[in-house]
């Protein structure tokens, strides 16, 4: 499954790269992209574990940049 999420208050391109690296290291992640310019997180992961992986990805984003919010619709 592949989904795109908006990011609010992502202030640093370096932080975006660190988020991407952290999420990519999670088990079950097929591909991930954190785009600083478009303020988007694109996550592709195994269907069965997608929600669990997404929760871990959100925690990684908050740990790296506490003011950044991942908009989950």
PDB file of N, CA and C in Angstrom:
ATOM      1  N   UNK A   1       0.845  -1.168   0.000  1.00  0.00           N
ATOM      2  CA  UNK A   1       0.000   0.000   0.000  1.00  0.00           C
ATOM      3  C   UNK A   1       0.895   1.236   0.000  1.00  0.00           C
ATOM      4  N   UNK A   2       0.472   2.227  -0.751  1.00  0.00           N
ATOM      5  CA  UNK A   2       1.224   3.475  -0.843  1.00  0.00           C
ATOM      6  C   UNK A   2       0.275   4.632  -0.580  1.00  0.00           C
ATOM      7  N   UNK A   3       0.656   5.526   0.358  1.00  0.00           N
ATOM      8  CA  UNK A   3      -0.162   6.680   0.689  1.00  0.00           C
ATOM      9  C   UNK A   3       0.718   7.914   0.836  1.00  0.00           C
ATOM     10  N   UNK A   4       0.101   9.071   0.589  1.00  0.00           N
ATOM     11  CA  UNK A   4       0.799  10.351   0.709  1.00  0.00           C
ATOM     12  C   UNK A   4       0.127  11.153   1.823  1.00  0.00           C
ATOM     13  N   UNK A   5       0.945  11.728   2.705  1.00  0.00           N
ATOM     14  CA  UNK A   5       0.448  12.495   3.841  1.00  0.00           C
ATOM     15  C   UNK A   5       1.049  13.895   3.808  1.00  0.00           C
ATOM     16  N   UNK A   6       0.236  14.885   4.194  1.00  0.00           N
ATOM     17  CA  UNK A   6       0.732  16.257   4.315  1.00  0.00           C
ATOM     18  C   UNK A   6       1.510  16.389   5.615  1.00  0.00           C
ATOM     19  N   UNK A   7       2.530  17.234   5.569  1.00  0.00           N
ATOM     20  CA  UNK A   7       3.301  17.567   6.763  1.00  0.00           C
ATOM     21  C   UNK A   7       3.091  19.045   7.064  1.00  0.00           C
ATOM     22  N   UNK A   8       2.857  19.354   8.313  1.00  0.00           N
ATOM     23  CA  UNK A   8       2.679  20.745   8.724  1.00  0.00           C
ATOM     24  C   UNK A   8       3.856  21.135   9.613  1.00  0.00           C
ATOM     25  N   UNK A   9       4.466  22.269   9.301  1.00  0.00           N
ATOM     26  CA  UNK A   9       5.576  22.834  10.078  1.00  0.00           C
ATOM     27  C   UNK A   9       6.856  22.007  10.014  1.00  0.00           C
ATOM     28  N   UNK A  10       7.133  21.433   8.867  1.00  0.00           N
ATOM     29  CA  UNK A  10       8.440  20.814   8.646  1.00  0.00           C
ATOM     30  C   UNK A  10       9.380  21.949   8.248  1.00  0.00           C
ATOM     31  N   UNK A  11      10.306  22.288   9.140  1.00  0.00           N
ATOM     32  CA  UNK A  11      11.100  23.503   8.984  1.00  0.00           C
ATOM     33  C   UNK A  11      12.511  23.297   8.449  1.00  0.00           C
ATOM     34  N   UNK A  12      12.925  22.068   8.248  1.00  0.00           N
ATOM     35  CA  UNK A  12      14.345  21.842   7.972  1.00  0.00           C
ATOM     36  C   UNK A  12      14.527  20.689   6.976  1.00  0.00           C
ATOM     37  N   UNK A  13      15.250  20.954   5.908  1.00  0.00           N
ATOM     38  CA  UNK A  13      15.506  19.914   4.905  1.00  0.00           C
ATOM     39  C   UNK A  13      16.357  18.788   5.492  1.00  0.00           C
ATOM     40  N   UNK A  14      17.274  19.132   6.365  1.00  0.00           N
ATOM     41  CA  UNK A  14      18.114  18.115   7.008  1.00  0.00           C
ATOM     42  C   UNK A  14      17.257  17.190   7.876  1.00  0.00           C
ATOM     43  N   UNK A  15      16.289  17.778   8.588  1.00  0.00           N
ATOM     44  CA  UNK A  15      15.372  16.974   9.410  1.00  0.00           C
ATOM     45  C   UNK A  15      14.537  16.045   8.531  1.00  0.00           C
ATOM     46  N   UNK A  16      14.111  16.535   7.382  1.00  0.00           N
ATOM     47  CA  UNK A  16      13.342  15.708   6.444  1.00  0.00           C
ATOM     48  C   UNK A  16      14.160  14.492   6.020  1.00  0.00           C
ATOM     49  N   UNK A  17      15.431  14.701   5.749  1.00  0.00           N
ATOM     50  CA  UNK A  17      16.313  13.589   5.353  1.00  0.00           C
ATOM     51  C   UNK A  17      16.491  12.601   6.505  1.00  0.00           C
ATOM     52  N   UNK A  18      16.607  13.111   7.715  1.00  0.00           N
ATOM     53  CA  UNK A  18      16.747  12.231   8.885  1.00  0.00           C
ATOM     54  C   UNK A  18      15.464  11.425   9.113  1.00  0.00           C
ATOM     55  N   UNK A  19      14.309  12.067   8.918  1.00  0.00           N
ATOM     56  CA  UNK A  19      13.035  11.353   9.041  1.00  0.00           C
ATOM     57  C   UNK A  19      12.959  10.222   8.024  1.00  0.00           C
ATOM     58  N   UNK A  20      13.322  10.544   6.801  1.00  0.00           N
ATOM     59  CA  UNK A  20      13.288   9.547   5.726  1.00  0.00           C
ATOM     60  C   UNK A  20      14.178   8.357   6.069  1.00  0.00           C
ATOM     61  N   UNK A  21      15.383   8.618   6.544  1.00  0.00           N
ATOM     62  CA  UNK A  21      16.303   7.536   6.907  1.00  0.00           C
ATOM     63  C   UNK A  21      15.756   6.692   8.050  1.00  0.00           C
ATOM     64  N   UNK A  22      15.173   7.347   9.051  1.00  0.00           N
ATOM     65  CA  UNK A  22      14.625   6.621  10.192  1.00  0.00           C
ATOM     66  C   UNK A  22      13.451   5.739   9.808  1.00  0.00           C
ATOM     67  N   UNK A  23      12.562   6.270   8.984  1.00  0.00           N
ATOM     68  CA  UNK A  23      11.389   5.500   8.552  1.00  0.00           C
ATOM     69  C   UNK A  23      11.817   4.352   7.643  1.00  0.00           C
ATOM     70  N   UNK A  24      12.782   4.607   6.772  1.00  0.00           N
ATOM     71  CA  UNK A  24      13.254   3.569   5.854  1.00  0.00           C
ATOM     72  C   UNK A  24      13.803   2.356   6.613  1.00  0.00           C
ATOM     73  N   UNK A  25      14.328   2.577   7.813  1.00  0.00           N
ATOM     74  CA  UNK A  25      14.919   1.490   8.603  1.00  0.00           C
ATOM     75  C   UNK A  25      13.867   0.597   9.268  1.00  0.00           C
ATOM     76  N   UNK A  26      12.594   1.021   9.274  1.00  0.00           N
ATOM     77  CA  UNK A  26      11.542   0.212   9.887  1.00  0.00           C
ATOM     78  C   UNK A  26      11.269  -1.054   9.070  1.00  0.00           C
ATOM     79  N   UNK A  27      11.018  -2.145   9.773  1.00  0.00           N
ATOM     80  CA  UNK A  27      10.642  -3.392   9.103  1.00  0.00           C
ATOM     81  C   UNK A  27       9.303  -3.206   8.396  1.00  0.00           C
ATOM     82  N   UNK A  28       9.212  -3.685   7.167  1.00  0.00           N
ATOM     83  CA  UNK A  28       7.968  -3.635   6.413  1.00  0.00           C
ATOM     84  C   UNK A  28       7.847  -2.443   5.480  1.00  0.00           C
ATOM     85  N   UNK A  29       8.777  -1.483   5.589  1.00  0.00           N
ATOM     86  CA  UNK A  29       8.740  -0.315   4.704  1.00  0.00           C
ATOM     87  C   UNK A  29       9.336  -0.701   3.354  1.00  0.00           C
ATOM     88  N   UNK A  30       8.561  -0.496   2.299  1.00  0.00           N
ATOM     89  CA  UNK A  30       9.024  -0.777   0.937  1.00  0.00           C
ATOM     90  C   UNK A  30       9.768   0.440   0.391  1.00  0.00           C
ATOM     91  N   UNK A  31       9.170   1.630   0.576  1.00  0.00           N
ATOM     92  CA  UNK A  31       9.791   2.871   0.116  1.00  0.00           C
ATOM     93  C   UNK A  31       9.225   4.033   0.914  1.00  0.00           C
ATOM     94  N   UNK A  32      10.017   5.091   1.058  1.00  0.00           N
ATOM     95  CA  UNK A  32       9.564   6.283   1.763  1.00  0.00           C
ATOM     96  C   UNK A  32      10.246   7.497   1.163  1.00  0.00           C
ATOM     97  N   UNK A  33       9.507   8.601   1.156  1.00  0.00           N
ATOM     98  CA  UNK A  33      10.047   9.870   0.695  1.00  0.00           C
ATOM     99  C   UNK A  33       9.476  10.977   1.566  1.00  0.00           C
ATOM    100  N   UNK A  34      10.359  11.824   2.103  1.00  0.00           N
ATOM    101  CA  UNK A  34       9.931  13.005   2.844  1.00  0.00           C
ATOM    102  C   UNK A  34      10.430  14.200   2.049  1.00  0.00           C
ATOM    103  N   UNK A  35       9.502  14.932   1.451  1.00  0.00           N
ATOM    104  CA  UNK A  35       9.857  16.046   0.580  1.00  0.00           C
ATOM    105  C   UNK A  35       9.660  17.357   1.332  1.00  0.00           C
ATOM    106  N   UNK A  36      10.776  18.030   1.605  1.00  0.00           N
ATOM    107  CA  UNK A  36      10.744  19.290   2.345  1.00  0.00           C
ATOM    108  C   UNK A  36      10.000  20.382   1.579  1.00  0.00           C
ATOM    109  N   UNK A  37      10.215  20.457   0.272  1.00  0.00           N
ATOM    110  CA  UNK A  37       9.631  21.537  -0.523  1.00  0.00           C
ATOM    111  C   UNK A  37       8.114  21.422  -0.672  1.00  0.00           C
ATOM    112  N   UNK A  38       7.618  20.200  -0.856  1.00  0.00           N
ATOM    113  CA  UNK A  38       6.172  20.014  -1.006  1.00  0.00           C
ATOM    114  C   UNK A  38       5.483  19.712   0.320  1.00  0.00           C
ATOM    115  N   UNK A  39       6.286  19.507   1.378  1.00  0.00           N
ATOM    116  CA  UNK A  39       5.749  19.189   2.709  1.00  0.00           C
ATOM    117  C   UNK A  39       4.891  17.926   2.657  1.00  0.00           C
ATOM    118  N   UNK A  40       5.434  16.872   1.999  1.00  0.00           N
ATOM    119  CA  UNK A  40       4.712  15.601   1.833  1.00  0.00           C
ATOM    120  C   UNK A  40       5.563  14.430   2.328  1.00  0.00           C
ATOM    121  N   UNK A  41       4.880  13.473   2.929  1.00  0.00           N
ATOM    122  CA  UNK A  41       5.469  12.194   3.301  1.00  0.00           C
ATOM    123  C   UNK A  41       4.790  11.137   2.456  1.00  0.00           C
ATOM    124  N   UNK A  42       5.555  10.422   1.652  1.00  0.00           N
ATOM    125  CA  UNK A  42       5.028   9.323   0.849  1.00  0.00           C
ATOM    126  C   UNK A  42       5.549   8.031   1.458  1.00  0.00           C
ATOM    127  N   UNK A  43       4.634   7.175   1.866  1.00  0.00           N
ATOM    128  CA  UNK A  43       4.996   5.931   2.537  1.00  0.00           C
ATOM    129  C   UNK A  43       4.403   4.754   1.783  1.00  0.00           C
ATOM    130  N   UNK A  44       5.260   3.820   1.448  1.00  0.00           N
ATOM    131  CA  UNK A  44       4.826   2.555   0.847  1.00  0.00           C
ATOM    132  C   UNK A  44       5.292   1.438   1.764  1.00  0.00           C
ATOM    133  N   UNK A  45       4.316   0.644   2.223  1.00  0.00           N
ATOM    134  CA  UNK A  45       4.627  -0.425   3.168  1.00  0.00           C
ATOM    135  C   UNK A  45       3.695  -1.602   2.943  1.00  0.00           C
ATOM    136  N   UNK A  46       4.020  -2.696   3.608  1.00  0.00           N
ATOM    137  CA  UNK A  46       3.210  -3.900   3.494  1.00  0.00           C
ATOM    138  C   UNK A  46       1.789  -3.615   3.970  1.00  0.00           C
ATOM    139  N   UNK A  47       0.799  -4.080   3.219  1.00  0.00           N
ATOM    140  CA  UNK A  47      -0.607  -3.802   3.520  1.00  0.00           C
ATOM    141  C   UNK A  47      -1.010  -4.247   4.929  1.00  0.00           C
ATOM    142  N   UNK A  48      -0.608  -5.443   5.307  1.00  0.00           N
ATOM    143  CA  UNK A  48      -1.047  -6.018   6.581  1.00  0.00           C
ATOM    144  C   UNK A  48      -0.566  -5.202   7.778  1.00  0.00           C
ATOM    145  N   UNK A  49       0.588  -4.566   7.672  1.00  0.00           N
ATOM    146  CA  UNK A  49       1.176  -3.839   8.796  1.00  0.00           C
ATOM    147  C   UNK A  49       1.191  -2.330   8.587  1.00  0.00           C
ATOM    148  N   UNK A  50       0.456  -1.833   7.590  1.00  0.00           N
ATOM    149  CA  UNK A  50       0.571  -0.420   7.227  1.00  0.00           C
ATOM    150  C   UNK A  50       0.265   0.515   8.398  1.00  0.00           C
ATOM    151  N   UNK A  51      -0.826   0.279   9.111  1.00  0.00           N
ATOM    152  CA  UNK A  51      -1.212   1.177  10.207  1.00  0.00           C
ATOM    153  C   UNK A  51      -0.169   1.186  11.323  1.00  0.00           C
ATOM    154  N   UNK A  52       0.359   0.019  11.632  1.00  0.00           N
ATOM    155  CA  UNK A  52       1.384  -0.086  12.673  1.00  0.00           C
ATOM    156  C   UNK A  52       2.661   0.652  12.240  1.00  0.00           C
ATOM    157  N   UNK A  53       3.038   0.492  10.980  1.00  0.00           N
ATOM    158  CA  UNK A  53       4.226   1.163  10.454  1.00  0.00           C
ATOM    159  C   UNK A  53       4.012   2.679  10.424  1.00  0.00           C
ATOM    160  N   UNK A  54       2.817   3.108  10.048  1.00  0.00           N
ATOM    161  CA  UNK A  54       2.511   4.535  10.014  1.00  0.00           C
ATOM    162  C   UNK A  54       2.640   5.156  11.403  1.00  0.00           C
ATOM    163  N   UNK A  55       2.145   4.491  12.423  1.00  0.00           N
ATOM    164  CA  UNK A  55       2.260   5.003  13.793  1.00  0.00           C
ATOM    165  C   UNK A  55       3.725   5.166  14.187  1.00  0.00           C
ATOM    166  N   UNK A  56       4.555   4.197  13.839  1.00  0.00           N
ATOM    167  CA  UNK A  56       5.984   4.295  14.140  1.00  0.00           C
ATOM    168  C   UNK A  56       6.629   5.432  13.358  1.00  0.00           C
ATOM    169  N   UNK A  57       6.205   5.618  12.112  1.00  0.00           N
ATOM    170  CA  UNK A  57       6.745   6.694  11.279  1.00  0.00           C
ATOM    171  C   UNK A  57       6.402   8.062  11.870  1.00  0.00           C
ATOM    172  N   UNK A  58       5.178   8.213  12.358  1.00  0.00           N
ATOM    173  CA  UNK A  58       4.761   9.477  12.988  1.00  0.00           C
ATOM    174  C   UNK A  58       5.611   9.751  14.230  1.00  0.00           C
ATOM    175  N   UNK A  59       5.884   8.727  15.019  1.00  0.00           N
ATOM    176  CA  UNK A  59       6.727   8.896  16.209  1.00  0.00           C
ATOM    177  C   UNK A  59       8.132   9.341  15.825  1.00  0.00           C
ATOM    178  N   UNK A  60       8.670   8.767  14.763  1.00  0.00           N
ATOM    179  CA  UNK A  60       9.999   9.157  14.296  1.00  0.00           C
ATOM    180  C   UNK A  60      10.000  10.624  13.885  1.00  0.00           C
ATOM    181  N   UNK A  61       8.980  11.038  13.153  1.00  0.00           N
ATOM    182  CA  UNK A  61       8.893  12.434  12.711  1.00  0.00           C
ATOM    183  C   UNK A  61       8.829  13.378  13.899  1.00  0.00           C
ATOM    184  N   UNK A  62       8.037  13.056  14.883  1.00  0.00           N
ATOM    185  CA  UNK A  62       7.895  13.921  16.076  1.00  0.00           C
ATOM    186  C   UNK A  62       9.176  13.963  16.889  1.00  0.00           C
ATOM    187  N   UNK A  63       9.881  12.836  16.941  1.00  0.00           N
ATOM    188  CA  UNK A  63      11.129  12.798  17.703  1.00  0.00           C
ATOM    189  C   UNK A  63      12.178  13.705  17.051  1.00  0.00           C
ATOM    190  N   UNK A  64      12.238  13.694  15.738  1.00  0.00           N
ATOM    191  CA  UNK A  64      13.232  14.489  15.023  1.00  0.00           C
ATOM    192  C   UNK A  64      12.841  15.957  14.984  1.00  0.00           C
ATOM    193  N   UNK A  65      11.576  16.239  14.728  1.00  0.00           N
ATOM    194  CA  UNK A  65      11.101  17.624  14.687  1.00  0.00           C
ATOM    195  C   UNK A  65       9.760  17.697  15.421  1.00  0.00           C
ATOM    196  N   UNK A  66       9.796  18.012  16.718  1.00  0.00           N
ATOM    197  CA  UNK A  66       8.596  17.970  17.558  1.00  0.00           C
ATOM    198  C   UNK A  66       7.437  18.843  17.086  1.00  0.00           C
ATOM    199  N   UNK A  67       7.706  19.923  16.381  1.00  0.00           N
ATOM    200  CA  UNK A  67       6.636  20.812  15.917  1.00  0.00           C
ATOM    201  C   UNK A  67       5.979  20.343  14.630  1.00  0.00           C
ATOM    202  N   UNK A  68       6.527  19.326  13.995  1.00  0.00           N
ATOM    203  CA  UNK A  68       5.997  18.821  12.725  1.00  0.00           C
ATOM    204  C   UNK A  68       4.824  17.876  12.988  1.00  0.00           C
ATOM    205  N   UNK A  69       3.762  18.047  12.217  1.00  0.00           N
ATOM    206  CA  UNK A  69       2.575  17.207  12.335  1.00  0.00           C
ATOM    207  C   UNK A  69       2.342  16.468  11.024  1.00  0.00           C
ATOM    208  N   UNK A  70       2.109  15.161  11.129  1.00  0.00           N
ATOM    209  CA  UNK A  70       1.730  14.355   9.975  1.00  0.00           C
ATOM    210  C   UNK A  70       0.203  14.329   9.937  1.00  0.00           C
ATOM    211  N   UNK A  71      -0.378  14.814   8.840  1.00  0.00           N
ATOM    212  CA  UNK A  71      -1.837  14.881   8.712  1.00  0.00           C
ATOM    213  C   UNK A  71      -2.339  13.538   8.189  1.00  0.00           C
ATOM    214  N   UNK A  72      -3.056  12.827   9.052  1.00  0.00           N
ATOM    215  CA  UNK A  72      -3.610  11.521   8.690  1.00  0.00           C
ATOM    216  C   UNK A  72      -5.103  11.693   8.485  1.00  0.00           C
ATOM    217  N   UNK A  73      -5.545  11.435   7.270  1.00  0.00           N
ATOM    218  CA  UNK A  73      -6.962  11.637   6.918  1.00  0.00           C
ATOM    219  C   UNK A  73      -7.735  10.359   7.061  1.00  0.00           C
TER     220      UNK A  73
END
